[in-house]
């Protein structure tokens, strides 16, 4: 009988220790979660949230929030990406237009030189 009672006592103590460990772990987890929630709240409070009223246009709004896309609304993120694509296309068109102007100037200069040579030979 004494062996059975000793076994039961050990098992009971072991179960109590496990319960205490689980309770301590859950308390620690709750503390950590509360700490992170408080920290998140303070970080969000410290960040500057810009609205379209405060910024002149959507491009500036997107640039201000570029580092923190999580603060941007989804449609603003999409607009930002499309504005960047549109800007790249405009830059490419502008550079192509400049190249065409240079080529036109070269052709124009060559034709003028050829005309002067022909006139000079006459």
PDB file of N, CA and C in Angstrom:
ATOM      1  N   UNK A   1       0.803  -1.183   0.000  1.00  0.00           N
ATOM      2  CA  UNK A   1       0.000   0.000   0.000  1.00  0.00           C
ATOM      3  C   UNK A   1       0.856   1.261   0.000  1.00  0.00           C
ATOM      4  N   UNK A   2       1.897   1.217   0.696  1.00  0.00           N
ATOM      5  CA  UNK A   2       2.738   2.399   0.793  1.00  0.00           C
ATOM      6  C   UNK A   2       3.391   2.735  -0.551  1.00  0.00           C
ATOM      7  N   UNK A   3       3.727   1.712  -1.324  1.00  0.00           N
ATOM      8  CA  UNK A   3       4.313   1.970  -2.643  1.00  0.00           C
ATOM      9  C   UNK A   3       3.291   2.637  -3.566  1.00  0.00           C
ATOM     10  N   UNK A   4       2.067   2.179  -3.489  1.00  0.00           N
ATOM     11  CA  UNK A   4       1.014   2.766  -4.318  1.00  0.00           C
ATOM     12  C   UNK A   4       0.764   4.211  -3.898  1.00  0.00           C
ATOM     13  N   UNK A   5       0.724   4.448  -2.612  1.00  0.00           N
ATOM     14  CA  UNK A   5       0.500   5.817  -2.129  1.00  0.00           C
ATOM     15  C   UNK A   5       1.676   6.724  -2.500  1.00  0.00           C
ATOM     16  N   UNK A   6       2.890   6.189  -2.395  1.00  0.00           N
ATOM     17  CA  UNK A   6       4.062   6.981  -2.792  1.00  0.00           C
ATOM     18  C   UNK A   6       4.008   7.308  -4.291  1.00  0.00           C
ATOM     19  N   UNK A   7       3.612   6.323  -5.072  1.00  0.00           N
ATOM     20  CA  UNK A   7       3.498   6.536  -6.522  1.00  0.00           C
ATOM     21  C   UNK A   7       2.451   7.605  -6.829  1.00  0.00           C
ATOM     22  N   UNK A   8       1.320   7.522  -6.129  1.00  0.00           N
ATOM     23  CA  UNK A   8       0.252   8.499  -6.340  1.00  0.00           C
ATOM     24  C   UNK A   8       0.702   9.907  -5.939  1.00  0.00           C
ATOM     25  N   UNK A   9       1.423   9.995  -4.833  1.00  0.00           N
ATOM     26  CA  UNK A   9       1.924  11.295  -4.387  1.00  0.00           C
ATOM     27  C   UNK A   9       2.902  11.878  -5.406  1.00  0.00           C
ATOM     28  N   UNK A  10       3.811  11.036  -5.900  1.00  0.00           N
ATOM     29  CA  UNK A  10       4.775  11.505  -6.901  1.00  0.00           C
ATOM     30  C   UNK A  10       4.060  11.959  -8.172  1.00  0.00           C
ATOM     31  N   UNK A  11       3.073  11.157  -8.575  1.00  0.00           N
ATOM     32  CA  UNK A  11       2.318  11.498  -9.778  1.00  0.00           C
ATOM     33  C   UNK A  11       1.541  12.793  -9.565  1.00  0.00           C
ATOM     34  N   UNK A  12       0.960  12.948  -8.381  1.00  0.00           N
ATOM     35  CA  UNK A  12       0.213  14.162  -8.062  1.00  0.00           C
ATOM     36  C   UNK A  12       1.139  15.380  -8.065  1.00  0.00           C
ATOM     37  N   UNK A  13       2.326  15.247  -7.455  1.00  0.00           N
ATOM     38  CA  UNK A  13       3.297  16.346  -7.442  1.00  0.00           C
ATOM     39  C   UNK A  13       3.756  16.676  -8.864  1.00  0.00           C
ATOM     40  N   UNK A  14       3.982  15.613  -9.629  1.00  0.00           N
ATOM     41  CA  UNK A  14       4.416  15.815 -11.018  1.00  0.00           C
ATOM     42  C   UNK A  14       3.338  16.565 -11.808  1.00  0.00           C
ATOM     43  N   UNK A  15       2.092  16.173 -11.630  1.00  0.00           N
ATOM     44  CA  UNK A  15       0.976  16.852 -12.303  1.00  0.00           C
ATOM     45  C   UNK A  15       0.869  18.309 -11.855  1.00  0.00           C
ATOM     46  N   UNK A  16       1.066  18.553 -10.555  1.00  0.00           N
ATOM     47  CA  UNK A  16       1.024  19.926 -10.054  1.00  0.00           C
ATOM     48  C   UNK A  16       2.157  20.755 -10.655  1.00  0.00           C
ATOM     49  N   UNK A  17       3.341  20.160 -10.739  1.00  0.00           N
ATOM     50  CA  UNK A  17       4.480  20.869 -11.339  1.00  0.00           C
ATOM     51  C   UNK A  17       4.203  21.205 -12.806  1.00  0.00           C
ATOM     52  N   UNK A  18       3.632  20.250 -13.520  1.00  0.00           N
ATOM     53  CA  UNK A  18       3.295  20.500 -14.924  1.00  0.00           C
ATOM     54  C   UNK A  18       2.270  21.623 -15.048  1.00  0.00           C
ATOM     55  N   UNK A  19       1.264  21.615 -14.180  1.00  0.00           N
ATOM     56  CA  UNK A  19       0.247  22.662 -14.209  1.00  0.00           C
ATOM     57  C   UNK A  19       0.870  24.024 -13.916  1.00  0.00           C
ATOM     58  N   UNK A  20       1.763  24.070 -12.919  1.00  0.00           N
ATOM     59  CA  UNK A  20       2.426  25.329 -12.579  1.00  0.00           C
ATOM     60  C   UNK A  20       3.280  25.826 -13.745  1.00  0.00           C
ATOM     61  N   UNK A  21       3.987  24.909 -14.373  1.00  0.00           N
ATOM     62  CA  UNK A  21       4.824  25.291 -15.519  1.00  0.00           C
ATOM     63  C   UNK A  21       3.960  25.846 -16.645  1.00  0.00           C
ATOM     64  N   UNK A  22       2.848  25.166 -16.934  1.00  0.00           N
ATOM     65  CA  UNK A  22       1.941  25.637 -17.985  1.00  0.00           C
ATOM     66  C   UNK A  22       1.353  26.998 -17.631  1.00  0.00           C
ATOM     67  N   UNK A  23       0.972  27.175 -16.366  1.00  0.00           N
ATOM     68  CA  UNK A  23       0.407  28.453 -15.948  1.00  0.00           C
ATOM     69  C   UNK A  23       1.441  29.567 -16.052  1.00  0.00           C
ATOM     70  N   UNK A  24       2.671  29.268 -15.613  1.00  0.00           N
ATOM     71  CA  UNK A  24       3.737  30.269 -15.708  1.00  0.00           C
ATOM     72  C   UNK A  24       4.022  30.622 -17.169  1.00  0.00           C
ATOM     73  N   UNK A  25       4.039  29.596 -18.006  1.00  0.00           N
ATOM     74  CA  UNK A  25       4.296  29.841 -19.426  1.00  0.00           C
ATOM     75  C   UNK A  25       3.181  30.684 -20.031  1.00  0.00           C
ATOM     76  N   UNK A  26       1.940  30.361 -19.700  1.00  0.00           N
ATOM     77  CA  UNK A  26       0.831  31.141 -20.259  1.00  0.00           C
ATOM     78  C   UNK A  26       0.863  32.581 -19.735  1.00  0.00           C
ATOM     79  N   UNK A  27       1.250  32.763 -18.466  1.00  0.00           N
ATOM     80  CA  UNK A  27       1.371  34.122 -17.931  1.00  0.00           C
ATOM     81  C   UNK A  27       2.462  34.900 -18.667  1.00  0.00           C
ATOM     82  N   UNK A  28       3.593  34.230 -18.912  1.00  0.00           N
ATOM     83  CA  UNK A  28       4.684  34.894 -19.623  1.00  0.00           C
ATOM     84  C   UNK A  28       4.273  35.253 -21.048  1.00  0.00           C
ATOM     85  N   UNK A  29       3.564  34.330 -21.691  1.00  0.00           N
ATOM     86  CA  UNK A  29       3.104  34.603 -23.053  1.00  0.00           C
ATOM     87  C   UNK A  29       2.150  35.790 -23.054  1.00  0.00           C
ATOM     88  N   UNK A  30       1.244  35.829 -22.087  1.00  0.00           N
ATOM     89  CA  UNK A  30       0.304  36.948 -22.002  1.00  0.00           C
ATOM     90  C   UNK A  30       1.041  38.262 -21.772  1.00  0.00           C
ATOM     91  N   UNK A  31       2.055  38.236 -20.898  1.00  0.00           N
ATOM     92  CA  UNK A  31       2.841  39.450 -20.643  1.00  0.00           C
ATOM     93  C   UNK A  31       3.534  39.929 -21.914  1.00  0.00           C
ATOM     94  N   UNK A  32       4.125  38.983 -22.635  1.00  0.00           N
ATOM     95  CA  UNK A  32       4.828  39.348 -23.868  1.00  0.00           C
ATOM     96  C   UNK A  32       3.849  39.909 -24.893  1.00  0.00           C
ATOM     97  N   UNK A  33       2.687  39.270 -25.018  1.00  0.00           N
ATOM     98  CA  UNK A  33       1.680  39.748 -25.968  1.00  0.00           C
ATOM     99  C   UNK A  33       1.213  41.160 -25.602  1.00  0.00           C
ATOM    100  N   UNK A  34       0.981  41.392 -24.329  1.00  0.00           N
ATOM    101  CA  UNK A  34       0.564  42.728 -23.880  1.00  0.00           C
ATOM    102  C   UNK A  34       1.663  43.743 -24.165  1.00  0.00           C
ATOM    103  N   UNK A  35       2.913  43.352 -23.894  1.00  0.00           N
ATOM    104  CA  UNK A  35       4.043  44.240 -24.150  1.00  0.00           C
ATOM    105  C   UNK A  35       4.107  44.618 -25.631  1.00  0.00           C
ATOM    106  N   UNK A  36       3.982  43.621 -26.522  1.00  0.00           N
ATOM    107  CA  UNK A  36       4.043  43.902 -27.954  1.00  0.00           C
ATOM    108  C   UNK A  36       2.856  44.732 -28.422  1.00  0.00           C
ATOM    109  N   UNK A  37       1.686  44.497 -27.845  1.00  0.00           N
ATOM    110  CA  UNK A  37       0.526  45.301 -28.221  1.00  0.00           C
ATOM    111  C   UNK A  37       0.716  46.754 -27.806  1.00  0.00           C
ATOM    112  N   UNK A  38       1.245  46.964 -26.616  1.00  0.00           N
ATOM    113  CA  UNK A  38       1.514  48.331 -26.152  1.00  0.00           C
ATOM    114  C   UNK A  38       2.563  48.986 -27.042  1.00  0.00           C
ATOM    115  N   UNK A  39       3.615  48.235 -27.357  1.00  0.00           N
ATOM    116  CA  UNK A  39       4.675  48.766 -28.208  1.00  0.00           C
ATOM    117  C   UNK A  39       4.130  49.096 -29.601  1.00  0.00           C
ATOM    118  N   UNK A  40       3.298  48.233 -30.141  1.00  0.00           N
ATOM    119  CA  UNK A  40       2.697  48.473 -31.455  1.00  0.00           C
ATOM    120  C   UNK A  40       1.826  49.728 -31.416  1.00  0.00           C
ATOM    121  N   UNK A  41       1.057  49.880 -30.349  1.00  0.00           N
ATOM    122  CA  UNK A  41       0.197  51.054 -30.203  1.00  0.00           C
ATOM    123  C   UNK A  41       1.029  52.332 -30.183  1.00  0.00           C
ATOM    124  N   UNK A  42       2.127  52.326 -29.411  1.00  0.00           N
ATOM    125  CA  UNK A  42       2.970  53.515 -29.325  1.00  0.00           C
ATOM    126  C   UNK A  42       3.645  53.803 -30.664  1.00  0.00           C
ATOM    127  N   UNK A  43       4.078  52.748 -31.366  1.00  0.00           N
ATOM    128  CA  UNK A  43       4.709  52.960 -32.668  1.00  0.00           C
ATOM    129  C   UNK A  43       3.725  53.553 -33.660  1.00  0.00           C
ATOM    130  N   UNK A  44       2.495  53.055 -33.664  1.00  0.00           N
ATOM    131  CA  UNK A  44       1.492  53.597 -34.571  1.00  0.00           C
ATOM    132  C   UNK A  44       1.136  55.028 -34.199  1.00  0.00           C
ATOM    133  N   UNK A  45       1.138  55.304 -32.921  1.00  0.00           N
ATOM    134  CA  UNK A  45       0.800  56.647 -32.459  1.00  0.00           C
ATOM    135  C   UNK A  45       1.878  57.645 -32.884  1.00  0.00           C
ATOM    136  N   UNK A  46       3.136  57.194 -32.888  1.00  0.00           N
ATOM    137  CA  UNK A  46       4.241  58.082 -33.224  1.00  0.00           C
ATOM    138  C   UNK A  46       4.366  58.319 -34.724  1.00  0.00           C
ATOM    139  N   UNK A  47       3.867  57.397 -35.556  1.00  0.00           N
ATOM    140  CA  UNK A  47       3.994  57.547 -37.000  1.00  0.00           C
ATOM    141  C   UNK A  47       3.081  58.658 -37.491  1.00  0.00           C
ATOM    142  N   UNK A  48       3.570  59.365 -38.491  1.00  0.00           N
ATOM    143  CA  UNK A  48       2.757  60.422 -39.094  1.00  0.00           C
ATOM    144  C   UNK A  48       1.839  59.807 -40.127  1.00  0.00           C
ATOM    145  N   UNK A  49       0.560  59.962 -39.936  1.00  0.00           N
ATOM    146  CA  UNK A  49      -0.400  59.490 -40.914  1.00  0.00           C
ATOM    147  C   UNK A  49      -0.837  60.675 -41.756  1.00  0.00           C
ATOM    148  N   UNK A  50      -0.483  60.655 -43.027  1.00  0.00           N
ATOM    149  CA  UNK A  50      -0.814  61.749 -43.926  1.00  0.00           C
ATOM    150  C   UNK A  50      -2.101  61.421 -44.663  1.00  0.00           C
ATOM    151  N   UNK A  51      -2.888  62.422 -44.885  1.00  0.00           N
ATOM    152  CA  UNK A  51      -4.091  62.261 -45.691  1.00  0.00           C
ATOM    153  C   UNK A  51      -3.938  63.092 -46.948  1.00  0.00           C
ATOM    154  N   UNK A  52      -4.842  62.904 -47.894  1.00  0.00           N
ATOM    155  CA  UNK A  52      -4.753  63.656 -49.137  1.00  0.00           C
ATOM    156  C   UNK A  52      -4.979  65.143 -48.904  1.00  0.00           C
ATOM    157  N   UNK A  53      -5.676  65.488 -47.836  1.00  0.00           N
ATOM    158  CA  UNK A  53      -5.886  66.904 -47.533  1.00  0.00           C
ATOM    159  C   UNK A  53      -4.585  67.582 -47.133  1.00  0.00           C
ATOM    160  N   UNK A  54      -3.708  66.822 -46.481  1.00  0.00           N
ATOM    161  CA  UNK A  54      -2.451  67.394 -46.008  1.00  0.00           C
ATOM    162  C   UNK A  54      -1.380  67.423 -47.091  1.00  0.00           C
ATOM    163  N   UNK A  55      -1.533  66.620 -48.114  1.00  0.00           N
ATOM    164  CA  UNK A  55      -0.520  66.512 -49.156  1.00  0.00           C
ATOM    165  C   UNK A  55      -1.123  67.000 -50.468  1.00  0.00           C
ATOM    166  N   UNK A  56      -0.291  67.629 -51.297  1.00  0.00           N
ATOM    167  CA  UNK A  56      -0.818  68.275 -52.501  1.00  0.00           C
ATOM    168  C   UNK A  56      -1.382  67.297 -53.521  1.00  0.00           C
ATOM    169  N   UNK A  57      -0.749  66.155 -53.710  1.00  0.00           N
ATOM    170  CA  UNK A  57      -1.280  65.209 -54.695  1.00  0.00           C
ATOM    171  C   UNK A  57      -0.983  63.767 -54.270  1.00  0.00           C
ATOM    172  N   UNK A  58      -1.530  62.855 -55.022  1.00  0.00           N
ATOM    173  CA  UNK A  58      -1.404  61.437 -54.684  1.00  0.00           C
ATOM    174  C   UNK A  58       0.036  60.960 -54.776  1.00  0.00           C
ATOM    175  N   UNK A  59       0.810  61.496 -55.721  1.00  0.00           N
ATOM    176  CA  UNK A  59       2.202  61.078 -55.868  1.00  0.00           C
ATOM    177  C   UNK A  59       2.972  61.404 -54.588  1.00  0.00           C
ATOM    178  N   UNK A  60       2.800  62.622 -54.046  1.00  0.00           N
ATOM    179  CA  UNK A  60       3.481  62.979 -52.804  1.00  0.00           C
ATOM    180  C   UNK A  60       3.005  62.106 -51.652  1.00  0.00           C
ATOM    181  N   UNK A  61       1.720  61.824 -51.635  1.00  0.00           N
ATOM    182  CA  UNK A  61       1.153  60.963 -50.589  1.00  0.00           C
ATOM    183  C   UNK A  61       1.810  59.590 -50.627  1.00  0.00           C
ATOM    184  N   UNK A  62       1.967  59.069 -51.819  1.00  0.00           N
ATOM    185  CA  UNK A  62       2.595  57.751 -51.966  1.00  0.00           C
ATOM    186  C   UNK A  62       4.069  57.805 -51.588  1.00  0.00           C
ATOM    187  N   UNK A  63       4.751  58.878 -51.982  1.00  0.00           N
ATOM    188  CA  UNK A  63       6.170  58.991 -51.652  1.00  0.00           C
ATOM    189  C   UNK A  63       6.388  59.109 -50.151  1.00  0.00           C
ATOM    190  N   UNK A  64       5.489  59.817 -49.477  1.00  0.00           N
ATOM    191  CA  UNK A  64       5.634  59.958 -48.033  1.00  0.00           C
ATOM    192  C   UNK A  64       5.457  58.621 -47.322  1.00  0.00           C
ATOM    193  N   UNK A  65       4.597  57.789 -47.855  1.00  0.00           N
ATOM    194  CA  UNK A  65       4.331  56.503 -47.218  1.00  0.00           C
ATOM    195  C   UNK A  65       5.094  55.355 -47.866  1.00  0.00           C
ATOM    196  N   UNK A  66       6.038  55.690 -48.717  1.00  0.00           N
ATOM    197  CA  UNK A  66       6.778  54.667 -49.458  1.00  0.00           C
ATOM    198  C   UNK A  66       7.474  53.689 -48.517  1.00  0.00           C
ATOM    199  N   UNK A  67       8.042  54.205 -47.457  1.00  0.00           N
ATOM    200  CA  UNK A  67       8.777  53.353 -46.531  1.00  0.00           C
ATOM    201  C   UNK A  67       7.848  52.462 -45.727  1.00  0.00           C
ATOM    202  N   UNK A  68       6.608  52.858 -45.588  1.00  0.00           N
ATOM    203  CA  UNK A  68       5.679  52.100 -44.761  1.00  0.00           C
ATOM    204  C   UNK A  68       4.420  51.781 -45.542  1.00  0.00           C
ATOM    205  N   UNK A  69       4.507  50.827 -46.452  1.00  0.00           N
ATOM    206  CA  UNK A  69       3.363  50.499 -47.294  1.00  0.00           C
ATOM    207  C   UNK A  69       2.216  49.903 -46.504  1.00  0.00           C
ATOM    208  N   UNK A  70       2.516  49.410 -45.311  1.00  0.00           N
ATOM    209  CA  UNK A  70       1.442  48.825 -44.511  1.00  0.00           C
ATOM    210  C   UNK A  70       0.445  49.892 -44.069  1.00  0.00           C
ATOM    211  N   UNK A  71       0.878  51.153 -44.012  1.00  0.00           N
ATOM    212  CA  UNK A  71      -0.027  52.227 -43.615  1.00  0.00           C
ATOM    213  C   UNK A  71      -0.920  52.681 -44.761  1.00  0.00           C
ATOM    214  N   UNK A  72      -0.510  52.345 -45.984  1.00  0.00           N
ATOM    215  CA  UNK A  72      -1.273  52.797 -47.142  1.00  0.00           C
ATOM    216  C   UNK A  72      -2.487  51.914 -47.368  1.00  0.00           C
ATOM    217  N   UNK A  73      -3.554  52.515 -47.808  1.00  0.00           N
ATOM    218  CA  UNK A  73      -4.714  51.742 -48.210  1.00  0.00           C
ATOM    219  C   UNK A  73      -4.381  51.005 -49.501  1.00  0.00           C
ATOM    220  N   UNK A  74      -5.075  49.912 -49.735  1.00  0.00           N
ATOM    221  CA  UNK A  74      -4.756  49.069 -50.882  1.00  0.00           C
ATOM    222  C   UNK A  74      -4.886  49.825 -52.202  1.00  0.00           C
ATOM    223  N   UNK A  75      -5.946  50.613 -52.357  1.00  0.00           N
ATOM    224  CA  UNK A  75      -6.104  51.316 -53.635  1.00  0.00           C
ATOM    225  C   UNK A  75      -5.031  52.381 -53.825  1.00  0.00           C
ATOM    226  N   UNK A  76      -4.494  52.931 -52.736  1.00  0.00           N
ATOM    227  CA  UNK A  76      -3.381  53.876 -52.866  1.00  0.00           C
ATOM    228  C   UNK A  76      -2.104  53.148 -53.278  1.00  0.00           C
ATOM    229  N   UNK A  77      -1.919  51.918 -52.766  1.00  0.00           N
ATOM    230  CA  UNK A  77      -0.759  51.124 -53.182  1.00  0.00           C
ATOM    231  C   UNK A  77      -0.824  50.840 -54.676  1.00  0.00           C
ATOM    232  N   UNK A  78      -2.011  50.464 -55.150  1.00  0.00           N
ATOM    233  CA  UNK A  78      -2.170  50.182 -56.575  1.00  0.00           C
ATOM    234  C   UNK A  78      -1.936  51.439 -57.403  1.00  0.00           C
ATOM    235  N   UNK A  79      -2.508  52.564 -56.960  1.00  0.00           N
ATOM    236  CA  UNK A  79      -2.299  53.825 -57.680  1.00  0.00           C
ATOM    237  C   UNK A  79      -0.824  54.190 -57.716  1.00  0.00           C
ATOM    238  N   UNK A  80      -0.119  53.962 -56.618  1.00  0.00           N
ATOM    239  CA  UNK A  80       1.309  54.267 -56.549  1.00  0.00           C
ATOM    240  C   UNK A  80       2.068  53.444 -57.585  1.00  0.00           C
ATOM    241  N   UNK A  81       1.764  52.130 -57.646  1.00  0.00           N
ATOM    242  CA  UNK A  81       2.449  51.270 -58.611  1.00  0.00           C
ATOM    243  C   UNK A  81       2.131  51.682 -60.039  1.00  0.00           C
ATOM    244  N   UNK A  82       0.864  51.988 -60.318  1.00  0.00           N
ATOM    245  CA  UNK A  82       0.499  52.392 -61.668  1.00  0.00           C
ATOM    246  C   UNK A  82       1.098  53.746 -62.030  1.00  0.00           C
ATOM    247  N   UNK A  83       1.195  54.650 -61.064  1.00  0.00           N
ATOM    248  CA  UNK A  83       1.820  55.943 -61.333  1.00  0.00           C
ATOM    249  C   UNK A  83       3.292  55.767 -61.671  1.00  0.00           C
ATOM    250  N   UNK A  84       3.958  54.842 -60.981  1.00  0.00           N
ATOM    251  CA  UNK A  84       5.362  54.578 -61.294  1.00  0.00           C
ATOM    252  C   UNK A  84       5.511  54.016 -62.701  1.00  0.00           C
ATOM    253  N   UNK A  85       4.632  53.099 -63.084  1.00  0.00           N
ATOM    254  CA  UNK A  85       4.686  52.525 -64.431  1.00  0.00           C
ATOM    255  C   UNK A  85       4.435  53.616 -65.467  1.00  0.00           C
ATOM    256  N   UNK A  86       3.442  54.448 -65.210  1.00  0.00           N
ATOM    257  CA  UNK A  86       3.105  55.537 -66.125  1.00  0.00           C
ATOM    258  C   UNK A  86       4.285  56.505 -66.259  1.00  0.00           C
ATOM    259  N   UNK A  87       4.939  56.796 -65.141  1.00  0.00           N
ATOM    260  CA  UNK A  87       6.083  57.702 -65.158  1.00  0.00           C
ATOM    261  C   UNK A  87       7.226  57.116 -65.986  1.00  0.00           C
ATOM    262  N   UNK A  88       7.486  55.814 -65.842  1.00  0.00           N
ATOM    263  CA  UNK A  88       8.541  55.171 -66.626  1.00  0.00           C
ATOM    264  C   UNK A  88       8.233  55.242 -68.115  1.00  0.00           C
ATOM    265  N   UNK A  89       6.967  55.014 -68.469  1.00  0.00           N
ATOM    266  CA  UNK A  89       6.572  55.083 -69.881  1.00  0.00           C
ATOM    267  C   UNK A  89       6.785  56.496 -70.420  1.00  0.00           C
ATOM    268  N   UNK A  90       6.392  57.516 -69.648  1.00  0.00           N
ATOM    269  CA  UNK A  90       6.585  58.895 -70.090  1.00  0.00           C
ATOM    270  C   UNK A  90       8.070  59.225 -70.256  1.00  0.00           C
ATOM    271  N   UNK A  91       8.902  58.721 -69.347  1.00  0.00           N
ATOM    272  CA  UNK A  91      10.345  58.959 -69.470  1.00  0.00           C
ATOM    273  C   UNK A  91      10.889  58.317 -70.739  1.00  0.00           C
ATOM    274  N   UNK A  92      10.445  57.082 -71.030  1.00  0.00           N
ATOM    275  CA  UNK A  92      10.895  56.407 -72.247  1.00  0.00           C
ATOM    276  C   UNK A  92      10.452  57.167 -73.494  1.00  0.00           C
ATOM    277  N   UNK A  93       9.202  57.626 -73.491  1.00  0.00           N
ATOM    278  CA  UNK A  93       8.706  58.391 -74.638  1.00  0.00           C
ATOM    279  C   UNK A  93       9.485  59.690 -74.818  1.00  0.00           C
ATOM    280  N   UNK A  94       9.787  60.353 -73.702  1.00  0.00           N
ATOM    281  CA  UNK A  94      10.545  61.603 -73.778  1.00  0.00           C
ATOM    282  C   UNK A  94      11.944  61.352 -74.327  1.00  0.00           C
ATOM    283  N   UNK A  95      12.596  60.289 -73.866  1.00  0.00           N
ATOM    284  CA  UNK A  95      13.946  59.998 -74.364  1.00  0.00           C
ATOM    285  C   UNK A  95      13.910  59.620 -75.844  1.00  0.00           C
ATOM    286  N   UNK A  96      12.887  58.876 -76.280  1.00  0.00           N
ATOM    287  CA  UNK A  96      12.760  58.539 -77.700  1.00  0.00           C
ATOM    288  C   UNK A  96      12.518  59.790 -78.537  1.00  0.00           C
ATOM    289  N   UNK A  97      11.723  60.696 -78.006  1.00  0.00           N
ATOM    290  CA  UNK A  97      11.443  61.946 -78.720  1.00  0.00           C
ATOM    291  C   UNK A  97      12.725  62.765 -78.878  1.00  0.00           C
ATOM    292  N   UNK A  98      13.538  62.811 -77.820  1.00  0.00           N
ATOM    293  CA  UNK A  98      14.814  63.530 -77.893  1.00  0.00           C
ATOM    294  C   UNK A  98      15.736  62.889 -78.929  1.00  0.00           C
ATOM    295  N   UNK A  99      15.777  61.566 -78.969  1.00  0.00           N
ATOM    296  CA  UNK A  99      16.606  60.873 -79.961  1.00  0.00           C
ATOM    297  C   UNK A  99      16.140  61.202 -81.376  1.00  0.00           C
ATOM    298  N   UNK A 100      14.823  61.206 -81.572  1.00  0.00           N
ATOM    299  CA  UNK A 100      14.279  61.525 -82.894  1.00  0.00           C
ATOM    300  C   UNK A 100      14.626  62.961 -83.292  1.00  0.00           C
ATOM    301  N   UNK A 101      14.565  63.886 -82.330  1.00  0.00           N
ATOM    302  CA  UNK A 101      14.923  65.277 -82.624  1.00  0.00           C
ATOM    303  C   UNK A 101      16.386  65.375 -83.048  1.00  0.00           C
ATOM    304  N   UNK A 102      17.268  64.655 -82.329  1.00  0.00           N
ATOM    305  CA  UNK A 102      18.693  64.680 -82.669  1.00  0.00           C
ATOM    306  C   UNK A 102      18.928  64.105 -84.059  1.00  0.00           C
ATOM    307  N   UNK A 103      18.256  62.984 -84.351  1.00  0.00           N
ATOM    308  CA  UNK A 103      18.405  62.378 -85.678  1.00  0.00           C
ATOM    309  C   UNK A 103      17.891  63.321 -86.763  1.00  0.00           C
ATOM    310  N   UNK A 104      16.779  63.972 -86.509  1.00  0.00           N
ATOM    311  CA  UNK A 104      16.214  64.921 -87.468  1.00  0.00           C
ATOM    312  C   UNK A 104      17.177  66.080 -87.705  1.00  0.00           C
ATOM    313  N   UNK A 105      17.781  66.578 -86.628  1.00  0.00           N
ATOM    314  CA  UNK A 105      18.756  67.668 -86.757  1.00  0.00           C
ATOM    315  C   UNK A 105      19.963  67.220 -87.580  1.00  0.00           C
ATOM    316  N   UNK A 106      20.442  65.995 -87.347  1.00  0.00           N
ATOM    317  CA  UNK A 106      21.584  65.488 -88.121  1.00  0.00           C
ATOM    318  C   UNK A 106      21.237  65.399 -89.602  1.00  0.00           C
ATOM    319  N   UNK A 107      20.052  64.833 -89.886  1.00  0.00           N
ATOM    320  CA  UNK A 107      19.626  64.704 -91.284  1.00  0.00           C
ATOM    321  C   UNK A 107      19.463  66.078 -91.916  1.00  0.00           C
ATOM    322  N   UNK A 108      18.888  67.004 -91.171  1.00  0.00           N
ATOM    323  CA  UNK A 108      18.680  68.362 -91.671  1.00  0.00           C
ATOM    324  C   UNK A 108      20.018  69.029 -91.968  1.00  0.00           C
ATOM    325  N   UNK A 109      20.983  68.866 -91.050  1.00  0.00           N
ATOM    326  CA  UNK A 109      22.311  69.455 -91.249  1.00  0.00           C
ATOM    327  C   UNK A 109      23.004  68.841 -92.461  1.00  0.00           C
ATOM    328  N   UNK A 110      22.876  67.523 -92.644  1.00  0.00           N
ATOM    329  CA  UNK A 110      23.500  66.864 -93.797  1.00  0.00           C
ATOM    330  C   UNK A 110      22.891  67.352 -95.101  1.00  0.00           C
ATOM    331  N   UNK A 111      21.570  67.500 -95.101  1.00  0.00           N
ATOM    332  CA  UNK A 111      20.918  67.972 -96.335  1.00  0.00           C
ATOM    333  C   UNK A 111      21.321  69.411 -96.649  1.00  0.00           C
ATOM    334  N   UNK A 112      21.463  70.234 -95.620  1.00  0.00           N
ATOM    335  CA  UNK A 112      21.895  71.624 -95.832  1.00  0.00           C
ATOM    336  C   UNK A 112      23.318  71.645 -96.364  1.00  0.00           C
ATOM    337  N   UNK A 113      24.184  70.807 -95.813  1.00  0.00           N
ATOM    338  CA  UNK A 113      25.575  70.744 -96.277  1.00  0.00           C
ATOM    339  C   UNK A 113      25.620  70.282 -97.726  1.00  0.00           C
ATOM    340  N   UNK A 114      24.837  69.256 -98.046  1.00  0.00           N
ATOM    341  CA  UNK A 114      24.806  68.762 -99.428  1.00  0.00           C
ATOM    342  C   UNK A 114      24.298  69.834-100.386  1.00  0.00           C
ATOM    343  N   UNK A 115      23.274  70.591-100.005  1.00  0.00           N
ATOM    344  CA  UNK A 115      22.746  71.659-100.855  1.00  0.00           C
ATOM    345  C   UNK A 115      23.793  72.743-101.080  1.00  0.00           C
ATOM    346  N   UNK A 116      24.518  73.093-100.032  1.00  0.00           N
ATOM    347  CA  UNK A 116      25.543  74.133-100.182  1.00  0.00           C
ATOM    348  C   UNK A 116      26.671  73.644-101.080  1.00  0.00           C
ATOM    349  N   UNK A 117      27.017  72.347-100.982  1.00  0.00           N
ATOM    350  CA  UNK A 117      28.063  71.807-101.854  1.00  0.00           C
ATOM    351  C   UNK A 117      27.615  71.854-103.307  1.00  0.00           C
ATOM    352  N   UNK A 118      26.358  71.491-103.539  1.00  0.00           N
ATOM    353  CA  UNK A 118      25.834  71.503-104.903  1.00  0.00           C
ATOM    354  C   UNK A 118      25.798  72.930-105.431  1.00  0.00           C
ATOM    355  N   UNK A 119      25.366  73.874-104.639  1.00  0.00           N
ATOM    356  CA  UNK A 119      25.305  75.273-105.048  1.00  0.00           C
ATOM    357  C   UNK A 119      26.705  75.836-105.272  1.00  0.00           C
ATOM    358  N   UNK A 120      27.650  75.422-104.453  1.00  0.00           N
ATOM    359  CA  UNK A 120      29.018  75.907-104.571  1.00  0.00           C
ATOM    360  C   UNK A 120      29.658  75.396-105.859  1.00  0.00           C
ATOM    361  N   UNK A 121      29.334  74.141-106.238  1.00  0.00           N
ATOM    362  CA  UNK A 121      29.890  73.566-107.459  1.00  0.00           C
ATOM    363  C   UNK A 121      29.331  74.246-108.694  1.00  0.00           C
ATOM    364  N   UNK A 122      28.112  74.751-108.646  1.00  0.00           N
ATOM    365  CA  UNK A 122      27.517  75.396-109.817  1.00  0.00           C
ATOM    366  C   UNK A 122      28.244  76.644-110.078  1.00  0.00           C
TER     367      UNK A 122
END
